[in-house]
Amino acid sequence: MSWENATMDRPKTSPGTDRTLGFVLVAISAVLWSTAGLFVRMAGLDPWTVLGWRSLASAVFLAAFFAMRSRRRAGAALRRLGWPDLFQIATSLIATIAYVFALELTSVANVMTVYATLPFVAAGIAFVWVGERVDARLLVAGAVALAGVALMAGAAMTARDIAGNLAAFATTVGFGLQLVHVKRHPGADMPLIMAVAAGLCAILSWPLMAATLPSPSQIGAMAAFGILTTGIGYILALEGGRRIGSGEAGIVSMLDVVLGPLWVWLAFAEVPSRAVLLGGTLVLGSVLWYLWRSREGATAVSP
């Protein structure tokens, strides 16, 4: 059953309730996504090995979820995959590979700093692709967040950092495309699409992985990485993104920017600089302010 059919079968909700659910789903996905750097550090392996095991775990999880939900219609759903679905699969594949390499090449704080441009990327893509209007509150919150990004980018740059930041930007563009694409094609079956993308990533990574078998704790870290981020977090983000604007989904996802470095700081003493802490505070403040103003606006127009 596609997400489109699932939407048709759901009881109808008010626009305000559906919008609130969208914010909640995207916020939960941001918390789950913020654990990515933590699991990469816990695994302590090369990028291709992390990609292979992570993708295998997420592919198995998503395939099981899809099979349970679709039952005997799984084969028919696979045959119905069209060009829009293949575009989403390719975009997810590229973004996933770039994200893991970014986390390996530079600090989690740097990756999150680049990822903080997601609201602007998503809003720009939506404006060009589907003509989606940009809310004034989004621009104000985005400007404050951009100031936080500028502070967080104050650390010295090395060639490795630059490569990591470029990979992080490729991830940001890829996820921005996905947020807009899922609104343009609301009938897309995202669990199936993400399962196929994860399976392809595992296949591509397998020949390049380390020949030795990782320890049980390393495999556990990579499995948790795949299930929580790609398996659950990604689906929640894209499903929530259907209910709110692309720029809004991007700015709520910026909670990841603050929480990602926090977990690594607490677990591995990868201490962010004072500039990173101050910038992260501005980013988090802009997200909370935008959510508060959006809720206030929704209350004002409700009957």
Protein backbone atom coordinates (compact mmCIF):
# COMPACT_ATOMS: atom_id res chain seq x y z
CA MET A 1 0.00 0.00 0.00
CA SER A 2 1.47 3.36 -1.00
CA TRP A 3 1.67 6.39 1.27
CA GLU A 4 -0.99 7.91 -1.00
CA ASN A 5 -3.38 5.04 -0.26
CA ALA A 6 -2.48 5.18 3.42
CA THR A 7 -3.36 8.88 3.42
CA MET A 8 -6.72 8.12 1.81
CA ASP A 9 -7.49 5.46 4.43
CA ARG A 10 -6.64 7.70 7.40
CA PRO A 11 -9.41 9.59 9.18
CA LYS A 12 -9.49 13.17 8.00
CA THR A 13 -7.78 15.68 10.28
CA SER A 14 -7.88 19.45 10.40
CA PRO A 15 -5.12 21.34 8.57
CA GLY A 16 -3.80 22.61 11.90
CA THR A 17 -3.57 19.11 13.38
CA ASP A 18 -1.89 17.74 10.25
CA ARG A 19 0.58 20.62 10.28
CA THR A 20 1.41 20.05 13.95
CA LEU A 21 1.98 16.35 13.23
CA GLY A 22 4.34 17.34 10.43
CA PHE A 23 6.45 19.45 12.80
CA VAL A 24 6.52 16.63 15.39
CA LEU A 25 7.59 13.98 12.87
CA VAL A 26 10.38 16.15 11.46
CA ALA A 27 11.59 17.08 14.97
CA ILE A 28 11.77 13.41 16.03
CA SER A 29 13.64 12.57 12.83
CA ALA A 30 16.14 15.34 13.61
CA VAL A 31 16.84 13.82 17.03
CA LEU A 32 17.40 10.40 15.44
CA TRP A 33 19.60 11.86 12.69
CA SER A 34 21.71 13.64 15.28
CA THR A 35 23.00 10.25 16.50
CA ALA A 36 24.80 9.55 13.19
CA GLY A 37 28.15 11.02 14.23
CA LEU A 38 27.96 9.19 17.54
CA PHE A 39 27.55 5.80 15.84
CA VAL A 40 30.30 6.53 13.30
CA ARG A 41 32.70 7.32 16.14
CA MET A 42 31.56 4.21 18.04
CA ALA A 43 32.25 2.00 15.02
CA GLY A 44 35.73 3.47 14.39
CA LEU A 45 35.93 1.93 10.89
CA ASP A 46 36.65 3.16 7.37
CA PRO A 47 33.78 4.87 5.46
CA TRP A 48 33.05 2.00 3.06
CA THR A 49 32.80 -0.53 5.88
CA VAL A 50 30.47 1.77 7.81
CA LEU A 51 28.39 2.34 4.67
CA GLY A 52 28.14 -1.36 3.89
CA TRP A 53 26.99 -2.55 7.32
CA ARG A 54 24.82 0.51 7.95
CA SER A 55 23.09 0.14 4.57
CA LEU A 56 22.59 -3.60 5.05
CA ALA A 57 20.90 -3.02 8.42
CA SER A 58 18.63 -0.27 7.10
CA ALA A 59 17.76 -2.29 3.98
CA VAL A 60 16.74 -5.34 6.03
CA PHE A 61 14.71 -3.22 8.44
CA LEU A 62 12.90 -1.27 5.71
CA ALA A 63 12.31 -4.38 3.59
CA ALA A 64 10.77 -6.14 6.59
CA PHE A 65 8.58 -3.12 7.33
CA PHE A 66 7.50 -2.90 3.70
CA ALA A 67 6.77 -6.65 3.49
CA MET A 68 4.66 -6.56 6.68
CA ARG A 69 2.68 -3.59 5.43
CA SER A 70 2.26 -4.65 1.79
CA ARG A 71 1.96 -8.41 2.37
CA ARG A 72 1.31 -10.02 -1.01
CA ARG A 73 1.54 -6.79 -3.03
CA ALA A 74 5.29 -6.31 -2.66
CA GLY A 75 6.11 -7.63 -6.14
CA ALA A 76 3.49 -5.41 -7.78
CA ALA A 77 4.83 -2.37 -5.90
CA LEU A 78 8.35 -3.07 -7.15
CA ARG A 79 7.11 -3.32 -10.73
CA ARG A 80 5.32 0.03 -10.38
CA LEU A 81 8.52 1.94 -9.59
CA GLY A 82 8.85 4.70 -12.18
CA TRP A 83 11.30 7.45 -13.08
CA PRO A 84 10.33 9.71 -10.15
CA ASP A 85 11.02 6.82 -7.76
CA LEU A 86 14.35 6.06 -9.44
CA PHE A 87 15.32 9.73 -9.08
CA GLN A 88 14.54 9.55 -5.35
CA ILE A 89 16.58 6.33 -5.04
CA ALA A 90 19.59 7.85 -6.81
CA THR A 91 19.42 11.04 -4.74
CA SER A 92 19.23 9.04 -1.50
CA LEU A 93 22.15 6.86 -2.55
CA ILE A 94 24.42 9.82 -3.29
CA ALA A 95 23.40 11.72 -0.14
CA THR A 96 23.99 8.66 2.06
CA ILE A 97 27.50 8.03 0.72
CA ALA A 98 28.42 11.71 0.98
CA TYR A 99 27.14 11.91 4.57
CA VAL A 100 29.24 9.04 5.90
CA PHE A 101 32.36 10.36 4.15
CA ALA A 102 31.72 13.83 5.56
CA LEU A 103 31.55 12.44 9.11
CA GLU A 104 34.80 10.54 8.55
CA LEU A 105 36.71 13.45 6.98
CA THR A 106 35.90 16.28 9.38
CA SER A 107 34.38 16.95 12.79
CA VAL A 108 30.72 16.36 13.51
CA ALA A 109 30.39 20.07 14.35
CA ASN A 110 31.69 21.03 10.89
CA VAL A 111 29.31 18.62 9.16
CA MET A 112 26.39 20.00 11.13
CA THR A 113 27.45 23.56 10.32
CA VAL A 114 27.22 22.88 6.59
CA TYR A 115 24.00 20.94 7.06
CA ALA A 116 22.51 24.02 8.72
CA THR A 117 22.11 25.53 5.25
CA LEU A 118 19.32 22.99 4.58
CA PRO A 119 16.41 25.45 5.08
CA PHE A 120 17.85 27.78 2.46
CA VAL A 121 18.65 24.92 0.07
CA ALA A 122 15.22 23.31 0.48
CA ALA A 123 13.36 26.63 0.17
CA GLY A 124 15.39 27.59 -2.92
CA ILE A 125 14.79 24.25 -4.62
CA ALA A 126 11.07 24.42 -3.78
CA PHE A 127 10.81 27.98 -5.12
CA VAL A 128 12.47 27.06 -8.42
CA TRP A 129 10.94 23.59 -8.83
CA VAL A 130 7.37 23.93 -7.56
CA GLY A 131 6.94 27.68 -7.03
CA GLU A 132 6.50 27.33 -3.25
CA ARG A 133 6.28 30.67 -1.44
CA VAL A 134 8.84 31.55 1.24
CA ASP A 135 7.37 32.72 4.56
CA ALA A 136 8.79 35.92 6.07
CA ARG A 137 9.25 34.20 9.45
CA LEU A 138 11.35 31.56 7.72
CA LEU A 139 13.62 34.26 6.33
CA VAL A 140 14.04 35.88 9.77
CA ALA A 141 14.72 32.56 11.51
CA GLY A 142 17.03 31.54 8.69
CA ALA A 143 19.01 34.80 8.98
CA VAL A 144 19.55 34.18 12.71
CA ALA A 145 20.56 30.59 12.00
CA LEU A 146 22.96 31.81 9.32
CA ALA A 147 24.64 34.03 11.92
CA GLY A 148 25.06 30.92 14.06
CA VAL A 149 26.52 29.05 11.09
CA ALA A 150 29.03 31.87 10.53
CA LEU A 151 30.17 31.59 14.16
CA MET A 152 30.41 27.80 13.99
CA ALA A 153 32.55 28.02 10.84
CA GLY A 154 35.27 30.00 12.60
CA ALA A 155 37.62 27.07 13.20
CA ALA A 156 40.79 26.65 11.13
CA MET A 157 40.29 24.75 7.86
CA THR A 158 42.49 21.94 6.52
CA ALA A 159 42.30 20.16 3.16
CA ARG A 160 40.57 17.26 4.92
CA ASP A 161 38.02 19.64 6.47
CA ILE A 162 37.31 21.19 3.07
CA ALA A 163 36.70 17.76 1.53
CA GLY A 164 34.43 16.86 4.43
CA ASN A 165 32.50 20.11 4.11
CA LEU A 166 32.00 19.56 0.37
CA ALA A 167 30.67 16.07 1.09
CA ALA A 168 28.37 17.54 3.76
CA PHE A 169 27.05 20.09 1.27
CA ALA A 170 26.35 17.31 -1.25
CA THR A 171 24.31 15.59 1.48
CA THR A 172 22.44 18.82 2.19
CA VAL A 173 21.54 19.37 -1.46
CA GLY A 174 20.48 15.73 -1.78
CA PHE A 175 18.19 15.88 1.23
CA GLY A 176 16.77 19.23 0.07
CA LEU A 177 15.91 17.62 -3.27
CA GLN A 178 14.24 14.73 -1.49
CA LEU A 179 12.12 17.02 0.71
CA VAL A 180 10.80 18.85 -2.35
CA HIS A 181 10.48 15.71 -4.47
CA VAL A 182 8.26 13.93 -1.93
CA LYS A 183 5.88 16.90 -1.98
CA ARG A 184 5.81 16.92 -5.77
CA HIS A 185 5.13 13.15 -5.86
CA PRO A 186 3.07 12.47 -2.69
CA GLY A 187 2.16 8.96 -3.84
CA ALA A 188 5.77 7.75 -3.60
CA ASP A 189 6.17 4.65 -1.43
CA MET A 190 9.04 5.87 0.72
CA PRO A 191 9.77 2.68 2.72
CA LEU A 192 10.18 0.78 -0.55
CA ILE A 193 12.27 3.52 -2.14
CA MET A 194 14.56 3.80 0.89
CA ALA A 195 14.89 0.00 1.13
CA VAL A 196 16.00 -0.21 -2.51
CA ALA A 197 18.43 2.71 -2.06
CA ALA A 198 19.93 1.13 1.06
CA GLY A 199 20.24 -2.25 -0.64
CA LEU A 200 22.05 -0.70 -3.61
CA CYS A 201 24.38 1.18 -1.26
CA ALA A 202 25.23 -2.06 0.55
CA ILE A 203 25.98 -3.79 -2.76
CA LEU A 204 28.19 -0.92 -3.98
CA SER A 205 30.08 -0.78 -0.67
CA TRP A 206 30.66 -4.52 -0.26
CA PRO A 207 33.74 -4.87 -2.57
CA LEU A 208 35.37 -1.85 -0.90
CA MET A 209 34.79 -2.88 2.71
CA ALA A 210 37.47 -4.17 5.08
CA ALA A 211 38.09 -7.89 4.63
CA THR A 212 38.02 -8.64 8.37
CA LEU A 213 34.74 -9.00 10.25
CA PRO A 214 34.09 -6.12 12.71
CA SER A 215 33.55 -6.82 16.39
CA PRO A 216 30.00 -7.39 17.70
CA SER A 217 29.96 -3.92 19.29
CA GLN A 218 31.02 -2.32 16.00
CA ILE A 219 28.34 -4.22 14.07
CA GLY A 220 25.81 -3.18 16.71
CA ALA A 221 26.79 0.48 16.32
CA MET A 222 26.46 0.32 12.53
CA ALA A 223 23.14 -1.53 12.74
CA ALA A 224 21.75 1.10 15.13
CA PHE A 225 23.07 3.78 12.78
CA GLY A 226 21.21 2.28 9.83
CA ILE A 227 17.93 1.51 11.61
CA LEU A 228 17.55 4.76 13.57
CA THR A 229 18.67 7.19 10.87
CA THR A 230 17.79 5.70 7.48
CA GLY A 231 15.26 3.17 8.74
CA ILE A 232 13.16 5.39 10.99
CA GLY A 233 14.48 8.96 10.94
CA TYR A 234 14.49 9.36 7.17
CA ILE A 235 10.93 8.09 6.80
CA LEU A 236 9.66 10.35 9.58
CA ALA A 237 11.40 13.36 8.02
CA LEU A 238 9.96 12.79 4.55
CA GLU A 239 6.49 11.89 5.84
CA GLY A 240 6.48 14.97 8.07
CA GLY A 241 7.78 17.04 5.16
CA ARG A 242 4.58 16.32 3.25
CA ARG A 243 2.58 18.25 5.84
CA ILE A 244 4.65 21.43 6.12
CA GLY A 245 6.65 23.66 3.79
CA SER A 246 10.00 22.50 2.47
CA GLY A 247 11.80 25.40 4.13
CA GLU A 248 9.94 24.72 7.39
CA ALA A 249 10.97 21.07 7.32
CA GLY A 250 14.53 22.20 6.71
CA ILE A 251 14.64 24.60 9.63
CA VAL A 252 13.13 22.09 12.09
CA SER A 253 15.73 19.57 10.91
CA MET A 254 18.39 22.02 12.06
CA LEU A 255 17.90 20.66 15.59
CA ASP A 256 20.33 18.03 14.29
CA VAL A 257 22.95 20.78 14.00
CA VAL A 258 22.99 21.32 17.76
CA LEU A 259 22.37 17.79 19.00
CA GLY A 260 24.87 16.01 16.72
CA PRO A 261 28.01 17.63 18.19
CA LEU A 262 26.50 17.38 21.69
CA TRP A 263 26.31 13.56 21.68
CA VAL A 264 29.89 13.22 20.38
CA TRP A 265 31.07 15.78 22.93
CA LEU A 266 29.49 13.86 25.81
CA ALA A 267 30.58 10.38 24.63
CA PHE A 268 34.00 10.98 23.03
CA ALA A 269 35.12 14.38 24.34
CA GLU A 270 35.18 15.79 20.78
CA VAL A 271 34.94 19.23 22.34
CA PRO A 272 33.34 21.95 20.21
CA SER A 273 34.95 25.38 20.33
CA ARG A 274 33.29 28.32 22.09
CA ALA A 275 32.27 29.64 18.68
CA VAL A 276 30.56 26.34 17.87
CA LEU A 277 28.66 26.41 21.16
CA LEU A 278 27.52 30.00 20.66
CA GLY A 279 26.58 29.38 17.05
CA GLY A 280 24.67 26.26 18.00
CA THR A 281 22.74 28.26 20.58
CA LEU A 282 21.70 30.74 17.90
CA VAL A 283 20.63 27.92 15.57
CA LEU A 284 18.57 26.20 18.27
CA GLY A 285 17.05 29.53 19.32
CA SER A 286 15.99 30.31 15.74
CA VAL A 287 14.28 26.91 15.44
CA LEU A 288 12.40 27.32 18.72
CA TRP A 289 11.37 30.87 17.84
CA TYR A 290 10.07 29.79 14.44
CA LEU A 291 8.10 26.90 15.93
CA TRP A 292 6.58 29.20 18.57
CA ARG A 293 5.61 31.85 16.01
CA SER A 294 4.16 29.21 13.69
CA ARG A 295 2.05 27.75 16.50
CA GLU A 296 0.90 31.23 17.47
CA GLY A 297 -0.13 31.94 13.88
CA ALA A 298 -1.99 28.64 13.56
CA THR A 299 -3.92 29.37 16.80
CA ALA A 300 -4.88 32.82 15.57
CA VAL A 301 -6.51 31.50 12.37
CA SER A 302 -8.23 28.47 13.93
CA PRO A 303 -12.04 28.71 14.33
